[in-house]
Protein backbone atom coordinates (compact mmCIF):
# COMPACT_ATOMS: atom_id res chain seq x y z
CA MET A 1 -157.22 154.83 62.30
CA SER A 2 -154.27 156.46 60.55
CA LEU A 3 -151.03 154.50 60.32
CA ASP A 4 -148.81 157.36 59.19
CA TYR A 5 -146.10 156.19 61.59
CA VAL A 6 -145.88 153.09 59.37
CA TYR A 7 -146.52 154.67 55.95
CA TYR A 8 -143.86 157.38 56.21
CA PRO A 9 -140.93 155.08 57.20
CA VAL A 10 -141.86 152.53 54.51
CA SER A 11 -142.21 155.18 51.81
CA GLY A 12 -139.03 156.89 53.07
CA ILE A 13 -136.87 153.77 52.68
CA MET A 14 -138.30 153.13 49.21
CA TRP A 15 -137.72 156.78 48.25
CA VAL A 16 -134.05 156.58 49.29
CA TRP A 17 -133.40 153.47 47.18
CA HIS A 18 -135.21 155.02 44.22
CA LYS A 19 -132.89 158.02 44.37
CA VAL A 20 -129.85 155.73 44.67
CA PHE A 21 -130.73 153.62 41.61
CA SER A 22 -131.70 156.73 39.65
CA PHE A 23 -127.98 157.52 39.33
CA VAL A 24 -127.11 154.11 37.92
CA PRO A 25 -126.10 154.51 34.24
CA GLY A 26 -128.70 153.10 31.89
CA LEU A 27 -131.57 153.28 34.37
CA GLY A 28 -132.71 156.76 35.41
CA PRO A 29 -135.56 157.85 37.72
CA ASP A 30 -138.40 156.86 35.35
CA SER A 31 -137.23 153.33 34.61
CA GLY A 32 -139.44 150.45 35.68
CA ILE A 33 -136.32 148.54 36.73
CA THR A 34 -135.34 151.44 39.00
CA TRP A 35 -138.72 151.37 40.73
CA ALA A 36 -138.68 147.55 40.96
CA LEU A 37 -135.21 147.63 42.53
CA SER A 38 -136.41 150.23 45.05
CA VAL A 39 -139.13 147.76 46.13
CA ILE A 40 -136.66 144.85 46.29
CA PHE A 41 -134.14 146.79 48.36
CA LEU A 42 -136.91 148.08 50.60
CA VAL A 43 -137.53 144.41 51.48
CA LEU A 44 -133.81 143.71 51.96
CA THR A 45 -133.43 146.76 54.21
CA LEU A 46 -136.37 145.82 56.41
CA ARG A 47 -135.23 142.18 56.65
CA ALA A 48 -131.72 143.33 57.58
CA ILE A 49 -133.24 145.42 60.38
CA LEU A 50 -135.25 142.38 61.53
CA TYR A 51 -132.28 139.99 61.30
CA LYS A 52 -131.42 140.00 65.01
CA PRO A 53 -135.05 139.54 66.10
CA PHE A 54 -135.23 136.65 63.63
CA VAL A 55 -132.17 134.98 65.18
CA ARG A 56 -133.70 135.51 68.64
CA GLN A 57 -136.88 133.87 67.36
CA ILE A 58 -134.94 130.78 66.26
CA ARG A 59 -133.04 130.63 69.56
CA THR A 60 -136.32 131.00 71.47
CA THR A 61 -137.88 128.18 69.48
CA ARG A 62 -134.92 125.90 70.17
CA GLN A 63 -134.96 126.86 73.83
CA MET A 64 -138.63 125.94 74.03
CA GLN A 65 -137.88 122.55 72.48
CA GLU A 66 -135.25 121.85 75.14
CA PHE A 67 -137.70 121.97 78.06
CA GLN A 68 -140.66 120.61 76.10
CA PRO A 69 -140.66 117.39 78.21
CA GLN A 70 -141.01 119.47 81.37
CA MET A 71 -143.94 121.33 79.85
CA GLN A 72 -145.60 118.04 78.91
CA ALA A 73 -145.13 116.81 82.49
CA LEU A 74 -146.79 119.96 83.82
CA ARG A 75 -149.72 119.49 81.44
CA LYS A 76 -150.23 115.95 82.69
CA LYS A 77 -149.96 117.01 86.32
CA TYR A 78 -152.11 120.16 86.21
CA GLY A 79 -154.22 119.43 83.13
CA LYS A 80 -157.47 119.93 85.02
CA ASP A 81 -156.37 123.06 86.88
CA ARG A 82 -155.79 125.65 84.15
CA GLN A 83 -154.90 128.44 86.57
CA LYS A 84 -152.28 126.33 88.34
CA LEU A 85 -150.96 125.12 84.98
CA ALA A 86 -150.56 128.69 83.75
CA LEU A 87 -148.68 129.67 86.92
CA GLU A 88 -146.36 126.67 86.69
CA MET A 89 -145.72 127.35 83.00
CA GLN A 90 -144.79 130.96 83.76
CA LYS A 91 -142.50 129.77 86.54
CA LEU A 92 -140.80 127.28 84.20
CA GLN A 93 -140.36 129.92 81.50
CA LYS A 94 -138.90 132.34 84.03
CA GLU A 95 -136.41 129.74 85.30
CA HIS A 96 -135.17 129.13 81.75
CA GLY A 97 -135.21 132.84 80.79
CA PHE A 98 -137.76 132.08 78.07
CA ASN A 99 -139.83 134.89 76.56
CA PRO A 100 -142.60 133.61 74.20
CA LEU A 101 -143.05 137.12 72.73
CA LEU A 102 -139.61 136.89 71.10
CA GLY A 103 -140.77 133.85 69.16
CA CYS A 104 -143.44 135.77 67.24
CA LEU A 105 -141.89 139.26 67.23
CA PRO A 106 -140.43 139.14 63.67
CA ALA A 107 -143.74 137.92 62.24
CA LEU A 108 -145.64 140.61 64.15
CA LEU A 109 -143.28 143.31 62.88
CA GLN A 110 -143.72 142.19 59.26
CA VAL A 111 -147.49 142.67 59.38
CA PRO A 112 -147.45 146.50 59.64
CA VAL A 113 -144.63 146.61 57.07
CA PHE A 114 -146.74 144.68 54.56
CA ILE A 115 -149.80 146.84 55.28
CA GLY A 116 -147.70 149.99 54.95
CA LEU A 117 -146.16 148.93 51.61
CA PHE A 118 -149.53 147.80 50.26
CA HIS A 119 -151.07 151.17 51.14
CA VAL A 120 -148.18 153.24 49.76
CA LEU A 121 -148.17 151.35 46.44
CA ARG A 122 -151.94 151.52 46.08
CA SER A 123 -151.83 155.24 46.94
CA PHE A 124 -149.87 155.96 43.76
CA ASN A 125 -153.18 155.31 41.98
CA ARG A 126 -155.99 156.80 44.06
CA MET A 127 -158.75 156.10 41.58
CA ALA A 128 -159.54 152.77 43.29
CA GLY A 129 -162.07 154.27 45.69
CA GLY A 130 -163.47 151.81 48.25
CA THR A 131 -160.45 149.54 48.69
CA THR A 132 -157.96 152.28 49.42
CA GLN A 133 -160.46 154.40 51.34
CA MET A 134 -160.14 151.98 54.25
CA PHE A 135 -156.50 153.10 54.50
CA GLY A 136 -157.41 156.78 54.30
CA SER A 137 -156.97 157.34 50.52
CA PRO A 138 -159.72 159.39 48.78
CA ASP A 139 -161.33 158.50 45.44
CA MET A 140 -159.64 160.81 42.89
CA THR A 141 -159.72 161.49 39.18
CA ALA A 142 -156.84 160.34 36.98
CA TYR A 143 -155.43 163.85 36.71
CA ALA A 144 -155.69 164.49 40.48
CA THR A 145 -154.03 161.24 41.45
CA ARG A 146 -151.09 161.97 39.12
CA HIS A 147 -150.53 165.36 40.74
CA THR A 148 -150.94 164.43 44.44
CA PRO A 149 -147.87 163.65 46.60
CA ASN A 150 -147.69 160.21 48.23
CA TYR A 151 -146.04 160.54 51.67
CA PHE A 152 -142.29 160.90 50.96
CA PHE A 153 -142.87 160.94 47.20
CA SER A 154 -143.52 164.26 45.51
CA ALA A 155 -146.10 164.71 42.74
CA THR A 156 -143.25 164.40 40.21
CA ASP A 157 -142.23 161.08 41.79
CA VAL A 158 -145.86 159.89 41.63
CA GLU A 159 -146.04 160.64 37.91
CA SER A 160 -142.71 158.89 37.39
CA PHE A 161 -143.97 155.78 39.16
CA LEU A 162 -147.25 155.69 37.22
CA ASP A 163 -145.45 156.13 33.91
CA ALA A 164 -142.82 153.48 34.69
CA ARG A 165 -143.21 150.08 33.03
CA LEU A 166 -141.73 146.68 33.87
CA PHE A 167 -141.98 144.48 30.78
CA GLY A 168 -144.60 146.94 29.57
CA VAL A 169 -146.73 146.70 32.75
CA PRO A 170 -147.31 149.47 35.39
CA LEU A 171 -145.97 148.44 38.81
CA SER A 172 -149.16 149.28 40.73
CA SER A 173 -151.51 147.54 38.30
CA TYR A 174 -153.13 144.21 39.19
CA ILE A 175 -155.07 141.51 37.36
CA GLN A 176 -158.55 142.44 38.62
CA GLU A 177 -158.06 146.21 38.28
CA PRO A 178 -160.95 147.94 36.45
CA VAL A 179 -160.09 149.34 33.03
CA ALA A 180 -161.26 152.81 34.11
CA GLN A 181 -158.40 152.96 36.60
CA PHE A 182 -155.88 152.36 33.80
CA GLN A 183 -156.23 156.07 33.03
CA ALA A 184 -154.04 156.91 36.02
CA PHE A 185 -151.14 155.30 34.15
CA MET A 186 -151.59 157.59 31.16
CA PRO A 187 -150.61 161.31 30.87
CA VAL A 188 -154.20 162.68 31.03
CA GLY A 189 -155.00 166.39 31.13
CA PRO A 190 -157.22 168.38 33.52
CA ASP A 191 -160.29 167.45 31.45
CA ASN A 192 -159.63 163.74 32.21
CA ALA A 193 -160.29 162.85 28.58
CA PHE A 194 -160.00 159.10 27.95
CA ILE A 195 -156.66 157.95 26.52
CA GLU A 196 -156.21 154.44 25.22
CA PRO A 197 -153.87 152.56 27.61
CA ASP A 198 -150.52 151.49 26.20
CA PHE A 199 -150.81 148.04 27.83
CA GLN A 200 -153.37 145.24 28.11
CA ARG A 201 -154.73 143.13 30.93
CA SER A 202 -153.18 140.06 29.36
CA TRP A 203 -149.76 141.68 29.87
CA ILE A 204 -150.50 142.10 33.58
CA ILE A 205 -151.54 138.43 33.75
CA ALA A 206 -148.40 137.32 31.92
CA LEU A 207 -146.20 139.12 34.46
CA SER A 208 -148.26 138.52 37.60
CA VAL A 209 -148.93 134.78 37.28
CA PRO A 210 -145.24 133.71 37.23
CA LEU A 211 -144.61 135.97 40.24
CA MET A 212 -147.59 134.41 42.03
CA ILE A 213 -146.34 130.89 41.30
CA VAL A 214 -142.81 131.68 42.49
CA ALA A 215 -144.19 133.35 45.63
CA ALA A 216 -146.43 130.34 46.37
CA LEU A 217 -143.58 127.85 45.85
CA ALA A 218 -141.24 129.91 48.04
CA THR A 219 -143.92 130.03 50.77
CA HIS A 220 -144.35 126.24 50.54
CA PHE A 221 -140.63 125.46 50.73
CA ASN A 222 -140.11 127.91 53.59
CA SER A 223 -142.84 126.10 55.52
CA ARG A 224 -141.35 122.71 54.65
CA ALA A 225 -137.93 123.81 55.92
CA SER A 226 -139.44 125.02 59.20
CA ILE A 227 -141.45 121.83 59.73
CA ALA A 228 -138.40 119.65 59.02
CA ARG A 229 -136.67 121.18 62.04
CA GLN A 230 -139.54 120.61 64.44
CA PRO A 231 -138.97 117.93 67.13
CA VAL A 232 -140.74 114.60 66.70
CA ALA A 233 -142.77 115.14 69.89
CA SER A 234 -144.33 118.34 68.55
CA LEU A 235 -145.18 116.67 65.23
CA GLU A 236 -147.34 114.18 67.12
CA ASN A 237 -149.43 117.03 68.56
CA PRO A 238 -152.76 117.25 66.61
CA GLN A 239 -152.83 121.05 66.77
CA THR A 240 -149.28 121.24 65.41
CA ALA A 241 -150.18 118.83 62.62
CA ILE A 242 -153.13 121.01 61.58
CA MET A 243 -151.00 124.15 61.63
CA ASN A 244 -148.31 122.44 59.56
CA ARG A 245 -150.83 121.47 56.90
CA LEU A 246 -152.05 125.07 56.76
CA MET A 247 -148.50 126.32 56.33
CA LEU A 248 -147.68 123.75 53.65
CA TRP A 249 -150.77 124.02 51.46
CA VAL A 250 -153.32 126.65 52.51
CA PHE A 251 -150.95 129.62 52.80
CA PRO A 252 -149.32 129.02 49.37
CA LEU A 253 -152.78 128.56 47.87
CA GLY A 254 -153.79 131.86 49.47
CA VAL A 255 -150.91 133.57 47.66
CA LEU A 256 -152.13 132.17 44.34
CA VAL A 257 -155.75 133.16 44.92
CA GLY A 258 -155.04 136.54 46.49
CA GLY A 259 -152.40 137.42 43.91
CA ILE A 260 -155.04 138.52 41.40
CA PHE A 261 -155.87 141.43 43.73
CA LEU A 262 -152.26 142.41 44.50
CA PRO A 263 -150.30 144.99 42.50
CA VAL A 264 -147.26 143.81 40.57
CA ALA A 265 -144.98 145.67 43.01
CA ILE A 266 -146.54 143.79 45.96
CA LEU A 267 -145.91 140.47 44.18
CA ILE A 268 -142.29 141.52 43.68
CA TYR A 269 -142.15 142.31 47.40
CA TRP A 270 -143.66 138.89 48.26
CA VAL A 271 -141.24 136.97 46.04
CA THR A 272 -138.23 138.83 47.42
CA GLN A 273 -139.44 138.35 50.98
CA ASN A 274 -139.84 134.59 50.62
CA ILE A 275 -136.59 134.03 48.74
CA TRP A 276 -134.72 136.02 51.41
CA THR A 277 -136.43 134.03 54.17
CA TYR A 278 -135.57 130.71 52.51
CA PHE A 279 -131.84 131.41 52.34
CA GLN A 280 -131.74 133.23 55.68
CA GLN A 281 -133.26 130.21 57.42
CA HIS A 282 -130.61 127.88 56.02
CA ILE A 283 -127.77 130.24 56.94
CA VAL A 284 -129.03 130.92 60.48
CA PHE A 285 -129.92 127.29 61.19
CA GLY A 286 -126.53 126.17 59.87
CA ARG A 287 -124.72 128.64 62.11
CA LEU A 288 -126.75 127.66 65.18
CA ASP A 289 -126.12 123.97 64.45
CA LYS A 290 -122.37 124.66 64.43
CA GLU A 291 -122.68 126.54 67.72
CA ASP A 292 -124.51 123.59 69.28
CA GLU A 293 -121.86 121.16 68.02
CA GLU A 294 -119.12 123.38 69.44
CA LYS A 295 -120.87 123.50 72.83
CA LYS A 296 -121.18 119.72 72.87
CA ARG A 297 -117.52 119.33 71.93
CA LEU A 298 -116.39 121.67 74.70
CA ALA A 299 -118.60 119.85 77.22
CA GLN A 300 -117.08 116.49 76.20
CA GLU A 301 -113.55 117.89 76.47
CA LYS A 302 -114.31 119.25 79.94
CA ARG A 303 -115.64 115.88 81.09
CA ALA A 304 -112.59 114.17 79.64
CA GLU A 305 -110.25 116.53 81.53
CA ASN A 306 -112.00 115.91 84.85
CA ALA A 307 -112.07 112.13 84.43
CA PRO A 308 -109.08 110.18 86.02
CA LYS A 309 -106.49 108.94 83.56
CA PRO A 310 -105.93 105.15 83.17
CA GLY A 311 -103.51 103.85 85.85
CA ALA A 312 -103.59 107.12 87.81
CA LYS A 313 -104.26 107.15 91.58
CA PRO A 314 -107.58 108.59 92.71
CA LYS A 315 -107.61 112.21 93.78
CA LYS A 316 -107.40 113.28 97.41
CA GLY A 317 -110.54 113.58 99.44
CA GLY A 318 -111.89 110.01 99.79
CA ALA A 319 -112.07 108.33 103.21
CA ALA A 320 -110.48 105.08 102.02
CA THR A 321 -107.65 107.01 100.39
CA SER A 322 -106.95 108.95 103.58
CA LEU A 323 -106.79 105.76 105.69
CA THR A 324 -104.51 104.06 103.20
CA LYS A 325 -102.11 106.99 103.10
CA ALA A 326 -102.12 107.25 106.87
CA ALA A 327 -101.21 103.58 107.18
CA GLU A 328 -98.42 103.91 104.64
CA THR A 329 -96.85 106.93 106.32
CA VAL A 330 -96.51 105.44 109.84
CA PRO A 331 -92.82 105.79 110.86
CA GLU A 332 -90.80 102.60 111.53
CA ASP A 333 -89.99 103.58 115.11
CA ALA A 334 -93.69 103.78 115.99
CA ASP A 335 -93.49 100.19 117.30
CA ASP A 336 -90.63 101.03 119.62
CA ALA A 337 -92.51 104.03 120.90
CA ALA A 338 -95.53 101.86 121.53
CA GLU A 339 -93.43 99.38 123.57
CA ALA A 340 -91.93 102.15 125.68
CA ALA A 341 -95.26 103.77 126.37
CA PRO A 342 -96.99 102.85 129.67
CA SER A 343 -99.66 100.16 129.36
CA LYS A 344 -102.03 102.03 131.64
CA PRO A 345 -103.29 105.55 130.90
CA THR A 346 -102.63 108.43 133.24
CA PRO A 347 -105.40 108.79 135.85
CA GLY A 348 -108.07 111.22 134.61
CA ALA A 349 -106.77 111.16 131.05
CA LYS A 350 -108.52 109.57 128.12
CA PRO A 351 -106.69 106.61 126.60
CA LYS A 352 -104.97 107.41 123.37
CA ALA A 353 -106.11 105.52 120.32
CA GLN A 354 -103.38 103.50 118.70
CA HIS A 355 -103.01 103.22 115.05
CA PRO A 356 -104.43 99.87 113.86
CA THR A 357 -101.26 99.01 111.96
CA ALA A 358 -98.95 99.81 114.92
CA ASN A 359 -101.15 97.77 117.28
CA ALA A 360 -100.96 94.74 114.98
CA ARG A 361 -97.19 94.99 114.81
CA GLN A 362 -96.91 95.26 118.59
CA GLN A 363 -99.01 92.14 119.06
CA GLN A 364 -96.82 90.29 116.55
CA ARG A 365 -93.65 91.33 118.43
CA ASN A 366 -95.13 90.28 121.76
CA GLN A 367 -96.00 86.89 120.33
CA GLN A 368 -92.46 86.53 118.96
CA GLN A 369 -91.03 87.44 122.41
CA ARG A 370 -93.23 84.85 124.14
CA ASN A 371 -92.06 82.21 121.67
CA ARG A 372 -88.43 83.06 122.41
CA ASN A 373 -89.03 82.80 126.17
CA ARG A 374 -90.59 79.34 125.77
CA ASN A 375 -87.64 78.19 123.69
CA LYS A 376 -85.19 79.36 126.42
CA LYS A 377 -87.09 77.47 129.13
CA ARG A 378 -87.03 74.28 127.12
CA LYS A 379 -83.25 74.53 126.61
CA ARG A 380 -82.73 74.86 130.36
């Protein structure tokens, strides 16, 4: 299956940066530094494009951690009914607006980019045969490969790339490359006569091994930074523990072992990718931590504003408060009105309810009047 829709954009971005750095004084189009910078800025361009999806990935991961207890509860409740568990999980994710695809989107997008760059760089030297044939590259002679365009790159650009050296090493050479393929890096004629290479395999090893070590260390520390931000509950999960060990040790080891088959330019790409990821993680996580702190601060301020101040009366609305205020606002002449009112209700009418405070005062006045009447009788 052809992946031209990946190869052309990747080669196009690299071609643009090569033209840009070609105008830098002291470099020029055939400089190995120019070609190395075009690879580095290809990585930076692609990571800048993927920056927003990366931030969404981090937000999605944090969002998943927030309702992790609810997910654990669903697993305990519907652990035996997988279909019901899946439905409840989807319902929970929908309620929280959670999309698991966003969590792995940046990683998924980087896979075709890596494949595209690997193919484009290997296609500068098409003498490799079997390995590049799986990506649609034919087995060519040294002369043919130097005079065949490579997607956005013209035949002149291909020759420039093959002739370029970084610390004396061709950018598309790799440690395990057969010596016969070194001819593509030399200005051979149509007769493909053998020309002694102007570099040695030991030079490739001397440049590739430090890049492999840096790439492996960067991969390890990126994994360590990601694991350090995982919640404690997820660390106790056996599957998570296995995956963390793979990320910490197996993946970096894979970079070291696989590096002997990767061109120097791919190793430069891998180092740049991991260094960018390391610093980007710290910047993004730091910014999101500040956002979370700000949200917590605003929530605390809002609660403090709604809480009653010390010594202040409670707000309106309570039943006890309403009764108290009603008792306090009874007019002084309410007792006189109660005395003047008829003791019996009008026939057919419902008796009016007296205020409890007014009734108590009326009883007190009646008692005082009875006491006065007794005192008058005694004096007589």
